[in-house]
Amino acid sequence: QVQLVESGGGSVQAVGSLRLSCVASGYTHSPYYMGWCRQGPGKEREGIAALDMDGRKTYADSVKGRFTISQDNARNILYLHMNSLKAEDTAMYYCAAERCWPGSTYSGGYWGQGTQVTVSL
């Protein structure tokens, strides 16, 4: 049974930093890519960062240059390093396998509980 557990969110002032973590388990095959999505107030869930099995990273324009996706393969943890945070980054953040491709939106299916990031001015 697939399980996704996100953590690391919190409240931070603008231009601050946070690191989100995701532990994924229960997959029967190695996912082609892992990704991070976020859903802001009144918005659709959108993909913002992806890391494929060859190590290639792809980002949405809104986070490019500020966010970095990485993975600790030994511990099976996916990270999202967020720097220079802005108020518009306020959202619930989710990780997923083979979903959350930057620029795409998602609804339905299984999602973890997410981790809330709130950025204040």
Protein backbone atom coordinates (compact mmCIF):
# COMPACT_ATOMS: atom_id res chain seq x y z
CA GLN A 1 0.00 0.00 0.00
CA VAL A 2 1.45 3.34 -1.07
CA GLN A 3 2.08 5.78 1.71
CA LEU A 4 3.32 9.37 1.48
CA VAL A 5 4.29 11.34 4.57
CA GLU A 6 5.28 14.98 4.19
CA SER A 7 6.84 17.10 6.93
CA GLY A 8 8.89 20.23 7.54
CA GLY A 9 6.34 22.93 6.89
CA GLY A 10 5.75 25.88 9.16
CA SER A 11 5.37 29.62 9.40
CA VAL A 12 8.22 31.77 8.13
CA GLN A 13 8.78 35.36 7.20
CA ALA A 14 9.33 36.39 3.63
CA VAL A 15 12.85 35.76 2.25
CA GLY A 16 13.21 32.96 4.80
CA SER A 17 13.91 29.29 4.08
CA LEU A 18 12.39 25.90 4.82
CA ARG A 19 13.20 22.32 3.94
CA LEU A 20 10.36 19.92 3.32
CA SER A 21 10.75 16.15 3.55
CA CYS A 22 8.74 13.30 2.10
CA VAL A 23 8.96 9.62 2.91
CA ALA A 24 7.38 7.45 0.24
CA SER A 25 6.79 3.75 0.70
CA GLY A 26 4.80 0.88 -0.72
CA TYR A 27 5.65 1.32 -4.41
CA THR A 28 6.07 -1.93 -6.31
CA HIS A 29 8.47 -0.38 -8.81
CA SER A 30 10.90 2.52 -8.79
CA PRO A 31 8.94 5.58 -9.93
CA TYR A 32 10.17 7.26 -13.10
CA TYR A 33 10.07 10.54 -11.22
CA MET A 34 9.14 12.02 -7.88
CA GLY A 35 7.60 15.43 -7.54
CA TRP A 36 6.28 18.15 -5.29
CA CYS A 37 2.91 19.81 -5.70
CA ARG A 38 1.32 22.66 -3.82
CA GLN A 39 -2.20 23.95 -3.38
CA GLY A 40 -2.66 27.54 -2.31
CA PRO A 41 -5.91 29.00 -0.95
CA GLY A 42 -8.61 28.84 -3.61
CA LYS A 43 -6.23 27.37 -6.18
CA GLU A 44 -5.77 24.03 -7.90
CA ARG A 45 -3.07 21.62 -6.84
CA GLU A 46 -0.13 22.28 -9.16
CA GLY A 47 3.17 20.59 -9.78
CA ILE A 48 6.20 22.70 -8.96
CA ALA A 49 9.28 20.45 -8.96
CA ALA A 50 10.22 17.02 -10.28
CA LEU A 51 13.26 14.76 -10.03
CA ASP A 52 13.51 11.86 -12.46
CA MET A 53 15.37 8.61 -12.05
CA ASP A 54 18.27 9.92 -14.13
CA GLY A 55 18.72 12.85 -11.79
CA ARG A 56 17.18 15.49 -14.02
CA LYS A 57 15.35 18.27 -12.21
CA THR A 58 12.49 20.31 -13.61
CA TYR A 59 10.87 23.34 -11.98
CA ALA A 60 7.88 25.57 -12.47
CA ASP A 61 8.81 29.13 -13.40
CA SER A 62 7.30 30.37 -10.15
CA VAL A 63 9.93 28.55 -8.05
CA LYS A 64 12.89 28.26 -10.40
CA GLY A 65 16.05 29.60 -8.85
CA ARG A 66 14.57 29.55 -5.34
CA PHE A 67 13.56 25.93 -4.74
CA THR A 68 15.69 22.80 -5.11
CA ILE A 69 14.43 19.23 -5.22
CA SER A 70 16.71 16.44 -4.06
CA GLN A 71 16.57 12.87 -2.84
CA ASP A 72 18.43 10.79 -0.30
CA ASN A 73 18.26 7.43 -2.04
CA ALA A 74 19.77 5.54 0.87
CA ARG A 75 17.03 6.76 3.20
CA ASN A 76 14.32 7.01 0.52
CA ILE A 77 13.52 10.62 1.43
CA LEU A 78 12.57 13.32 -1.04
CA TYR A 79 13.38 16.92 -0.12
CA LEU A 80 12.31 20.37 -1.25
CA HIS A 81 14.70 23.11 -0.21
CA MET A 82 12.90 26.44 -0.35
CA ASN A 83 14.79 29.73 -0.24
CA SER A 84 13.76 33.36 -0.69
CA LEU A 85 10.20 32.49 0.24
CA LYS A 86 7.41 34.81 -0.82
CA ALA A 87 3.89 35.32 0.48
CA GLU A 88 2.57 33.65 -2.69
CA ASP A 89 4.39 30.45 -1.72
CA THR A 90 1.84 30.00 1.07
CA ALA A 91 0.19 26.65 0.37
CA MET A 92 -0.19 23.05 1.40
CA TYR A 93 2.69 21.07 -0.08
CA TYR A 94 2.44 17.45 -1.23
CA CYS A 95 4.85 14.92 -2.68
CA ALA A 96 3.95 12.16 -5.13
CA ALA A 97 5.40 9.60 -7.48
CA GLU A 98 4.86 10.15 -11.22
CA ARG A 99 2.62 13.11 -10.52
CA CYS A 100 3.37 16.78 -9.76
CA TRP A 101 5.05 17.51 -13.09
CA PRO A 102 5.74 21.26 -13.10
CA GLY A 103 3.04 23.22 -14.85
CA SER A 104 0.39 20.53 -14.54
CA THR A 105 -2.57 20.46 -12.17
CA TYR A 106 -3.88 17.46 -10.30
CA SER A 107 -6.98 16.37 -8.43
CA GLY A 108 -8.25 13.06 -7.12
CA GLY A 109 -6.27 9.95 -6.34
CA TYR A 110 -4.29 9.25 -3.23
CA TRP A 111 -2.39 12.06 -1.54
CA GLY A 112 -0.58 12.25 1.74
CA GLN A 113 -1.68 14.65 4.44
CA GLY A 114 0.60 17.38 3.11
CA THR A 115 2.57 19.94 5.07
CA GLN A 116 1.47 23.56 5.40
CA VAL A 117 3.82 26.41 4.55
CA THR A 118 2.77 29.91 5.54
CA VAL A 119 4.89 32.88 4.52
CA SER A 120 4.20 36.26 6.09
CA LEU A 121 5.45 39.65 5.04
